[in-house]
Every structure is written in C-alpha cells, then in structure tokens.
C-alpha atoms as a PDB file:
ATOM      1  CA  LYS A   1      15.147   1.985  -7.431  1.00  0.00           C
ATOM      2  CA  ILE A   2      14.818  -1.775  -6.563  1.00  0.00           C
ATOM      3  CA  LYS A   3      18.418  -2.387  -7.740  1.00  0.00           C
ATOM      4  CA  PRO A   4      20.599   0.688  -6.747  1.00  0.00           C
ATOM      5  CA  GLU A   5      23.931  -0.967  -7.634  1.00  0.00           C
ATOM      6  CA  THR A   6      22.958  -1.515 -11.326  1.00  0.00           C
ATOM      7  CA  ASP A   7      21.620   0.475 -14.246  1.00  0.00           C
ATOM      8  CA  ASP A   8      18.194  -0.890 -13.765  1.00  0.00           C
ATOM      9  CA  GLU A   9      16.090   2.058 -13.326  1.00  0.00           C
ATOM     10  CA  THR A  10      12.951  -0.073 -11.950  1.00  0.00           C
ATOM     11  CA  THR A  11      11.607   1.653  -9.179  1.00  0.00           C
ATOM     12  CA  TYR A  12       9.437   0.005  -6.450  1.00  0.00           C
ATOM     13  CA  LEU A  13       6.561   1.881  -7.718  1.00  0.00           C
ATOM     14  CA  ASP A  14       7.099   0.895 -11.276  1.00  0.00           C
ATOM     15  CA  ALA A  15       7.284  -2.714  -9.833  1.00  0.00           C
ATOM     16  CA  TYR A  16       4.058  -2.499  -8.077  1.00  0.00           C
ATOM     17  CA  VAL A  17       2.065  -0.788 -10.896  1.00  0.00           C
ATOM     18  CA  ALA A  18       3.371  -3.425 -13.245  1.00  0.00           C
ATOM     19  CA  GLY A  19       2.105  -6.299 -10.959  1.00  0.00           C
ATOM     20  CA  ILE A  20      -1.190  -4.552 -10.689  1.00  0.00           C
ATOM     21  CA  LYS A  21      -1.898  -4.239 -14.251  1.00  0.00           C
ATOM     22  CA  ALA A  22      -0.819  -7.821 -14.897  1.00  0.00           C
ATOM     23  CA  ASP A  23      -3.073  -8.830 -12.131  1.00  0.00           C
ATOM     24  CA  PHE A  24      -6.247  -6.910 -13.148  1.00  0.00           C
ATOM     25  CA  GLY A  25      -5.622  -7.433 -16.930  1.00  0.00           C
ATOM     26  CA  ASP A  26      -8.403  -5.707 -19.008  1.00  0.00           C
ATOM     27  CA  ALA A  27     -10.566  -5.112 -16.190  1.00  0.00           C
ATOM     28  CA  PHE A  28     -11.495  -1.831 -14.873  1.00  0.00           C
ATOM     29  CA  PHE A  29     -10.758  -0.672 -11.341  1.00  0.00           C
ATOM     30  CA  ALA A  30     -10.434   1.916  -8.705  1.00  0.00           C
ATOM     31  CA  TYR A  31      -7.164   3.083  -7.053  1.00  0.00           C
ATOM     32  CA  GLN A  32      -5.798   5.351  -4.891  1.00  0.00           C
ATOM     33  CA  ALA A  33      -2.410   6.832  -5.041  1.00  0.00           C
ATOM     34  CA  ASN A  34      -0.436   9.800  -3.519  1.00  0.00           C
ATOM     35  CA  LYS A  35      -0.329  13.253  -5.438  1.00  0.00           C
ATOM     36  CA  ASP A  36       3.068  12.648  -6.886  1.00  0.00           C
ATOM     37  CA  VAL A  37       1.669   9.392  -8.892  1.00  0.00           C
ATOM     38  CA  PRO A  38       0.405  10.708 -12.151  1.00  0.00           C
ATOM     39  CA  ASP A  39      -3.291  10.139 -13.117  1.00  0.00           C
ATOM     40  CA  SER A  40      -2.174   8.279 -16.290  1.00  0.00           C
ATOM     41  CA  VAL A  41      -0.301   5.690 -14.189  1.00  0.00           C
ATOM     42  CA  PHE A  42      -3.037   3.077 -15.209  1.00  0.00           C
ATOM     43  CA  GLY A  43      -4.294   4.301 -18.477  1.00  0.00           C
ATOM     44  CA  GLU A  44      -8.295   4.059 -19.100  1.00  0.00           C
ATOM     45  CA  LYS A  45      -8.605   1.097 -16.808  1.00  0.00           C
ATOM     46  CA  GLY A  46      -7.949   2.841 -13.348  1.00  0.00           C
ATOM     47  CA  LYS A  47     -10.367   5.261 -12.056  1.00  0.00           C
ATOM     48  CA  ARG A  48      -8.400   7.251  -9.162  1.00  0.00           C
ATOM     49  CA  LEU A  49     -10.238   7.972  -5.888  1.00  0.00           C
ATOM     50  CA  PRO A  50      -9.673  11.302  -4.383  1.00  0.00           C
ATOM     51  CA  ASN A  51      -6.934  11.315  -1.370  1.00  0.00           C
ATOM     52  CA  VAL A  52      -9.747  11.428   1.143  1.00  0.00           C
ATOM     53  CA  PRO A  53     -12.632   9.288  -0.287  1.00  0.00           C
ATOM     54  CA  HIS A  54     -14.468   8.913   3.020  1.00  0.00           C
ATOM     55  CA  GLY A  55     -18.152   8.691   2.383  1.00  0.00           C
ATOM     56  CA  LEU A  56     -18.236   8.582  -1.427  1.00  0.00           C
ATOM     57  CA  ASN A  57     -20.387   6.129  -3.188  1.00  0.00           C
ATOM     58  CA  THR A  58     -19.450   6.725  -6.736  1.00  0.00           C
ATOM     59  CA  TYR A  59     -17.000   3.879  -6.724  1.00  0.00           C
ATOM     60  CA  SER A  60     -19.422   1.408  -5.594  1.00  0.00           C
ATOM     61  CA  HIS A  61     -19.549  -0.515  -8.937  1.00  0.00           C
ATOM     62  CA  PHE A  62     -15.775  -1.613  -8.710  1.00  0.00           C
ATOM     63  CA  ASN A  63     -15.053  -5.014  -7.597  1.00  0.00           C
ATOM     64  CA  LYS A  64     -11.331  -4.396  -7.921  1.00  0.00           C
ATOM     65  CA  MET A  65      -9.269  -1.975  -6.139  1.00  0.00           C
ATOM     66  CA  ALA A  66      -5.548  -1.083  -5.758  1.00  0.00           C
ATOM     67  CA  PHE A  67      -4.393   0.990  -2.843  1.00  0.00           C
ATOM     68  CA  LEU A  68      -0.941   2.771  -3.482  1.00  0.00           C
ATOM     69  CA  SER A  69      -0.978   5.472  -0.897  1.00  0.00           C
ATOM     70  CA  SER A  70       1.768   6.107   1.380  1.00  0.00           C
ATOM     71  CA  LEU A  71       0.042   7.553   4.609  1.00  0.00           C
ATOM     72  CA  ASN A  72       2.932   7.776   6.944  1.00  0.00           C
ATOM     73  CA  PRO A  73       3.297  10.941   8.992  1.00  0.00           C
ATOM     74  CA  HIS A  74       6.647  12.613   9.286  1.00  0.00           C
ATOM     75  CA  PRO A  75       9.131  11.210  11.621  1.00  0.00           C
ATOM     76  CA  GLU A  76       8.568  14.196  14.312  1.00  0.00           C
ATOM     77  CA  VAL A  77       4.881  13.235  14.482  1.00  0.00           C
ATOM     78  CA  PHE A  78       5.791   9.961  15.640  1.00  0.00           C
ATOM     79  CA  ALA A  79       8.184  11.193  18.438  1.00  0.00           C
ATOM     80  CA  PHE A  80       5.598  13.795  19.542  1.00  0.00           C
ATOM     81  CA  LEU A  81       2.807  11.065  19.868  1.00  0.00           C
ATOM     82  CA  LYS A  82       5.302   8.818  21.811  1.00  0.00           C
ATOM     83  CA  THR A  83       5.180  11.503  24.425  1.00  0.00           C
ATOM     84  CA  PHE A  84       1.481  10.658  24.964  1.00  0.00           C
ATOM     85  CA  GLY A  85       2.207   7.083  25.226  1.00  0.00           C
ATOM     86  CA  ILE A  86       1.011   6.234  21.720  1.00  0.00           C
ATOM     87  CA  ASN A  87       3.585   4.097  19.791  1.00  0.00           C
ATOM     88  CA  ARG A  88       4.375   3.822  16.367  1.00  0.00           C
ATOM     89  CA  GLU A  89       2.087   0.755  15.504  1.00  0.00           C
ATOM     90  CA  ALA A  90      -0.883   2.556  16.923  1.00  0.00           C
ATOM     91  CA  VAL A  91      -0.143   5.518  14.595  1.00  0.00           C
ATOM     92  CA  ARG A  92       0.096   3.225  11.694  1.00  0.00           C
ATOM     93  CA  ARG A  93      -2.903   1.622  12.420  1.00  0.00           C
ATOM     94  CA  ALA A  94      -5.065   4.898  13.000  1.00  0.00           C
ATOM     95  CA  ILE A  95      -3.550   6.734   9.814  1.00  0.00           C
ATOM     96  CA  TYR A  96      -2.433   4.135   7.182  1.00  0.00           C
ATOM     97  CA  TYR A  97      -4.587   1.081   7.909  1.00  0.00           C
ATOM     98  CA  GLN A  98      -7.578   3.171   8.672  1.00  0.00           C
ATOM     99  CA  GLY A  99      -7.100   5.108   5.483  1.00  0.00           C
ATOM    100  CA  GLY A 100      -6.736   2.126   3.378  1.00  0.00           C
ATOM    101  CA  TYR A 101      -9.826   0.534   4.833  1.00  0.00           C
ATOM    102  CA  GLN A 102     -11.739   3.839   4.154  1.00  0.00           C
ATOM    103  CA  SER A 103     -10.663   3.513   0.366  1.00  0.00           C
ATOM    104  CA  VAL A 104     -11.536  -0.051   0.004  1.00  0.00           C
ATOM    105  CA  LEU A 105     -14.928   0.450   1.546  1.00  0.00           C
ATOM    106  CA  ARG A 106     -15.719   2.938  -1.404  1.00  0.00           C
ATOM    107  CA  THR A 107     -15.872  -0.125  -3.780  1.00  0.00           C
ATOM    108  CA  SER A 108     -18.664  -3.002  -4.024  1.00  0.00           C
ATOM    109  CA  ILE A 109     -17.106  -4.726  -1.115  1.00  0.00           C
ATOM    110  CA  ARG A 110     -19.788  -3.125   1.268  1.00  0.00           C
ATOM    111  CA  ASP A 111     -22.696  -4.126  -0.962  1.00  0.00           C
ATOM    112  CA  PRO A 112     -24.207  -7.232   0.522  1.00  0.00           C
ATOM    113  CA  ASN A 113     -26.144  -8.016  -2.777  1.00  0.00           C
ATOM    114  CA  ASN A 114     -22.953  -8.033  -4.980  1.00  0.00           C
ATOM    115  CA  GLN A 115     -21.760 -11.271  -4.908  1.00  0.00           C
ATOM    116  CA  GLU A 116     -19.015 -10.947  -7.385  1.00  0.00           C
ATOM    117  CA  PRO A 117     -15.590 -11.743  -6.308  1.00  0.00           C
ATOM    118  CA  LYS A 118     -13.486  -8.812  -5.020  1.00  0.00           C
ATOM    119  CA  ILE A 119      -9.644  -8.222  -5.463  1.00  0.00           C
ATOM    120  CA  ILE A 120      -8.110  -5.671  -3.261  1.00  0.00           C
ATOM    121  CA  ILE A 121      -4.378  -4.941  -3.733  1.00  0.00           C
ATOM    122  CA  VAL A 122      -2.393  -3.180  -0.953  1.00  0.00           C
ATOM    123  CA  PRO A 123       1.385  -2.516  -0.894  1.00  0.00           C
ATOM    124  CA  ASP A 124       2.451  -4.507   2.360  1.00  0.00           C
ATOM    125  CA  ARG A 125       1.682  -7.359   4.662  1.00  0.00           C
ATOM    126  CA  GLY A 126       0.811  -5.108   7.486  1.00  0.00           C
ATOM    127  CA  ILE A 127      -2.355  -3.578   5.889  1.00  0.00           C
ATOM    128  CA  ALA A 128      -3.127  -6.814   4.243  1.00  0.00           C
ATOM    129  CA  ASP A 129      -3.311  -8.559   7.625  1.00  0.00           C
ATOM    130  CA  TYR A 130      -5.442  -5.736   8.843  1.00  0.00           C
ATOM    131  CA  LEU A 131      -7.928  -5.931   6.188  1.00  0.00           C
ATOM    132  CA  HIS A 132      -7.892  -9.592   6.462  1.00  0.00           C
ATOM    133  CA  GLU A 133      -9.076  -9.419   9.914  1.00  0.00           C
ATOM    134  CA  ARG A 134     -12.041  -7.242   9.118  1.00  0.00           C
ATOM    135  CA  PHE A 135     -13.054  -9.326   6.081  1.00  0.00           C
ATOM    136  CA  PRO A 136     -12.988 -12.993   7.700  1.00  0.00           C
ATOM    137  CA  ASN A 137     -13.672 -14.977   4.616  1.00  0.00           C
ATOM    138  CA  SER A 138     -11.124 -13.273   2.533  1.00  0.00           C
ATOM    139  CA  LYS A 139      -7.743 -15.040   1.530  1.00  0.00           C
ATOM    140  CA  LEU A 140      -4.359 -13.430   1.303  1.00  0.00           C
ATOM    141  CA  GLU A 141      -1.972 -13.746  -2.006  1.00  0.00           C
ATOM    142  CA  LYS A 142       1.180 -12.110  -2.650  1.00  0.00           C
ATOM    143  CA  LEU A 143       1.160  -9.971  -5.663  1.00  0.00           C
ATOM    144  CA  ASN A 144       3.717 -11.176  -8.436  1.00  0.00           C
ATOM    145  CA  THR A 145       5.964  -8.441  -8.748  1.00  0.00           C
ATOM    146  CA  ALA A 146       9.804  -7.801  -9.362  1.00  0.00           C
ATOM    147  CA  ILE A 147      10.055  -6.486  -5.796  1.00  0.00           C
ATOM    148  CA  PRO A 148      12.266  -8.690  -3.331  1.00  0.00           C
ATOM    149  CA  ASP A 149      10.638 -10.448  -0.277  1.00  0.00           C
ATOM    150  CA  GLU A 150      13.664  -9.042   1.652  1.00  0.00           C
ATOM    151  CA  ILE A 151      14.910  -5.703   1.206  1.00  0.00           C
ATOM    152  CA  GLU A 152      18.595  -4.836   2.378  1.00  0.00           C
ATOM    153  CA  THR A 153      18.754  -1.928   4.324  1.00  0.00           C
ATOM    154  CA  ASN A 154      22.041  -0.344   5.447  1.00  0.00           C
ATOM    155  CA  LYS A 155      22.680  -0.029   9.272  1.00  0.00           C
ATOM    156  CA  PRO A 156      22.664   3.573  10.202  1.00  0.00           C
ATOM    157  CA  GLY A 157      25.773   5.421  11.264  1.00  0.00           C
ATOM    158  CA  ARG A 158      29.380   5.420  10.098  1.00  0.00           C
ATOM    159  CA  PRO A 159      30.770   2.087   8.951  1.00  0.00           C
ATOM    160  CA  ARG A 160      32.779  -0.100  11.321  1.00  0.00           C
ATOM    161  CA  LYS A 161      36.527   0.285  11.312  1.00  0.00           C
ATOM    162  CA  HIS A 162      37.148  -2.864  13.399  1.00  0.00           C
ATOM    163  CA  GLN A 163      35.321  -6.290  13.516  1.00  0.00           C
ATOM    164  CA  SER A 164      34.570  -6.339  17.151  1.00  0.00           C
ATOM    165  CA  ASP A 165      34.152  -3.857  20.058  1.00  0.00           C
ATOM    166  CA  LYS A 166      37.107  -5.686  21.512  1.00  0.00           C
ATOM    167  CA  ASP A 167      39.439  -4.790  18.423  1.00  0.00           C
END
C-alpha cells in the first residue's frame, strides 16, 4: 500500500495503472506486466504483450506502450553474480532495462516510416534514463500518479534504544 498507516488500500500498482489510464485516455496501447497482474487491468484498450516478446512484430501498430513488469532476480542471484565481479547495476541493466527495451521495440518505435508521436510509460527513472539514452530525440516527463516522489523506508534491524552510540 502507498499509505500503510491509513485505511487507504491503494497500492503502487493501482496508482500506476490509474496514471497510465489517465495519460492514454481512449487510445489503444500495448502493455507488458507480470503474471500476477490480471489481463483485464486495462479493459479493452490495452493489448498485453507476452512476458518474453523478443522478435514479435504483431504489436508494431501501437504508438503507445506501458511497461509494468518487475524483472528483478532473487536476492541470492545478486550475491552469486557479485562473486564474479558483476554488481547490482550491471545485473539491473542486463535483465530489467534490456527486458524493457525489448518490449518497447515491439511497438511502432522501430518503424522509420511511422512518424506518429510515441509514448512509452515505464515505472522508474532508471529505465526511463536507459531508454532516453537509446532514443536521443526523446523527452522525459513524470507520469501524474498518487505515488510520492520520495518513499520512506524503514531502516533494517532493531530500533535504537539510545540516541547515540555513546549513550
């Protein structure tokens, strides 16, 4: 939930989906999401891509796309790859960013004859920057959602008993 301390049951996914619906309006669009997201999430306006869409051309008529997939490996994978000198950011780029890039390229964005404006919505700044680097004339805009810019996280471990280490 976005506000776990309140009665508001809105989740991050709910807020993200609402923002996408508001931004795309009545337009048809392609989207990709994890298996736990129902096919009906966008109604008849959204056409779902398979989880591994590499090489598909059947979505090339869409000028709008929303990427909802979370492609993070289990924490153990990060630890394992670290033993080979591969850091978290390299893993993120190879799995998450590349997966998003492959999904985006299923749309009309790769058709040089299609001059219609393209709108690609992604869930975070990291993948947005990654895609922006690959599409030099693109521009970044923040999606209007109920998701706060800064998310408070609890520090791991037990709560402190004293104000300082000295105490």
